[in-house]
Amino acid sequence: MGKEAKIEKYVINKVKQRRTDLGISQAELAHLLDVSEGFIGNIENPNYPEKYNLRHLNDLAKILKCSPKDFLPDKPL
């Protein structure tokens, strides 16, 4: 696993953790983010190449009521 893959996995896990902590389903998050229902599932499944982009992270922070920084590690991975 390369450095990009580590950071992508970290971000995906942080978003998923925040989503589940707030009791938001994948389908509900997809609706709020204005993406297809399968998109969130594909992102959270390591067998698919889909990843969040910066716009997604900004919108996710609004939806999940946090800062985009909350999805990133304090130090490089």
Protein backbone atom coordinates (compact mmCIF):
# COMPACT_ATOMS: atom_id res chain seq x y z
CA MET A 1 0.00 0.00 0.00
CA GLY A 2 1.49 3.34 -1.07
CA LYS A 3 1.36 6.63 0.82
CA GLU A 4 -1.63 7.86 -1.18
CA ALA A 5 -3.54 4.72 -0.36
CA LYS A 6 -2.82 5.17 3.38
CA ILE A 7 -4.07 8.76 3.43
CA GLU A 8 -7.15 7.85 1.35
CA LYS A 9 -7.98 4.97 3.69
CA TYR A 10 -7.50 7.24 6.72
CA VAL A 11 -9.89 9.87 5.31
CA ILE A 12 -12.50 7.29 4.34
CA ASN A 13 -12.37 5.73 7.81
CA LYS A 14 -12.70 9.13 9.53
CA VAL A 15 -15.73 10.06 7.42
CA LYS A 16 -17.31 6.64 8.04
CA GLN A 17 -16.68 6.91 11.78
CA ARG A 18 -18.28 10.38 11.93
CA ARG A 19 -21.21 9.18 9.79
CA THR A 20 -21.89 6.17 11.99
CA ASP A 21 -21.40 8.14 15.22
CA LEU A 22 -24.19 10.46 14.03
CA GLY A 23 -26.41 7.53 13.01
CA ILE A 24 -26.46 8.47 9.33
CA SER A 25 -26.85 5.64 6.83
CA GLN A 26 -24.89 5.39 3.60
CA ALA A 27 -28.07 6.07 1.64
CA GLU A 28 -28.93 9.14 3.72
CA LEU A 29 -25.41 10.53 3.36
CA ALA A 30 -25.52 9.93 -0.40
CA HIS A 31 -28.77 11.88 -0.61
CA LEU A 32 -27.35 14.77 1.45
CA LEU A 33 -24.14 14.79 -0.60
CA ASP A 34 -26.14 14.58 -3.87
CA VAL A 35 -24.39 11.46 -5.14
CA SER A 36 -25.76 8.03 -6.04
CA GLU A 37 -26.60 5.69 -3.18
CA GLY A 38 -23.95 3.22 -4.32
CA PHE A 39 -21.22 5.88 -4.31
CA ILE A 40 -20.79 5.94 -0.51
CA GLY A 41 -20.82 2.15 -0.35
CA ASN A 42 -18.18 1.97 -3.07
CA ILE A 43 -15.99 4.50 -1.26
CA GLU A 44 -16.26 2.59 2.02
CA ASN A 45 -15.45 -0.72 0.27
CA PRO A 46 -11.67 -1.06 -0.27
CA ASN A 47 -12.29 -3.20 -3.38
CA TYR A 48 -13.52 -0.16 -5.34
CA PRO A 49 -11.37 2.73 -6.61
CA GLU A 50 -13.80 5.57 -5.70
CA LYS A 51 -12.41 8.19 -3.33
CA TYR A 52 -13.59 11.47 -1.84
CA ASN A 53 -12.27 14.65 -3.45
CA LEU A 54 -11.75 18.03 -1.78
CA ARG A 55 -15.23 19.25 -2.69
CA HIS A 56 -16.69 16.11 -1.15
CA LEU A 57 -14.72 16.67 2.06
CA ASN A 58 -15.87 20.27 2.31
CA ASP A 59 -19.51 19.26 1.75
CA LEU A 60 -19.17 16.31 4.15
CA ALA A 61 -17.89 18.66 6.85
CA LYS A 62 -21.02 20.80 6.40
CA ILE A 63 -23.32 17.77 6.49
CA LEU A 64 -21.54 16.09 9.42
CA LYS A 65 -21.15 19.38 11.30
CA CYS A 66 -17.38 19.36 11.69
CA SER A 67 -14.26 20.78 10.05
CA PRO A 68 -12.70 19.26 6.91
CA LYS A 69 -9.54 19.05 9.05
CA ASP A 70 -11.30 16.45 11.20
CA PHE A 71 -10.94 13.98 8.33
CA LEU A 72 -7.16 14.43 8.05
CA PRO A 73 -4.32 13.16 10.27
CA ASP A 74 -2.29 15.59 12.39
CA LYS A 75 0.93 14.36 10.77
CA PRO A 76 1.75 12.92 7.33
CA LEU A 77 1.26 9.16 6.98
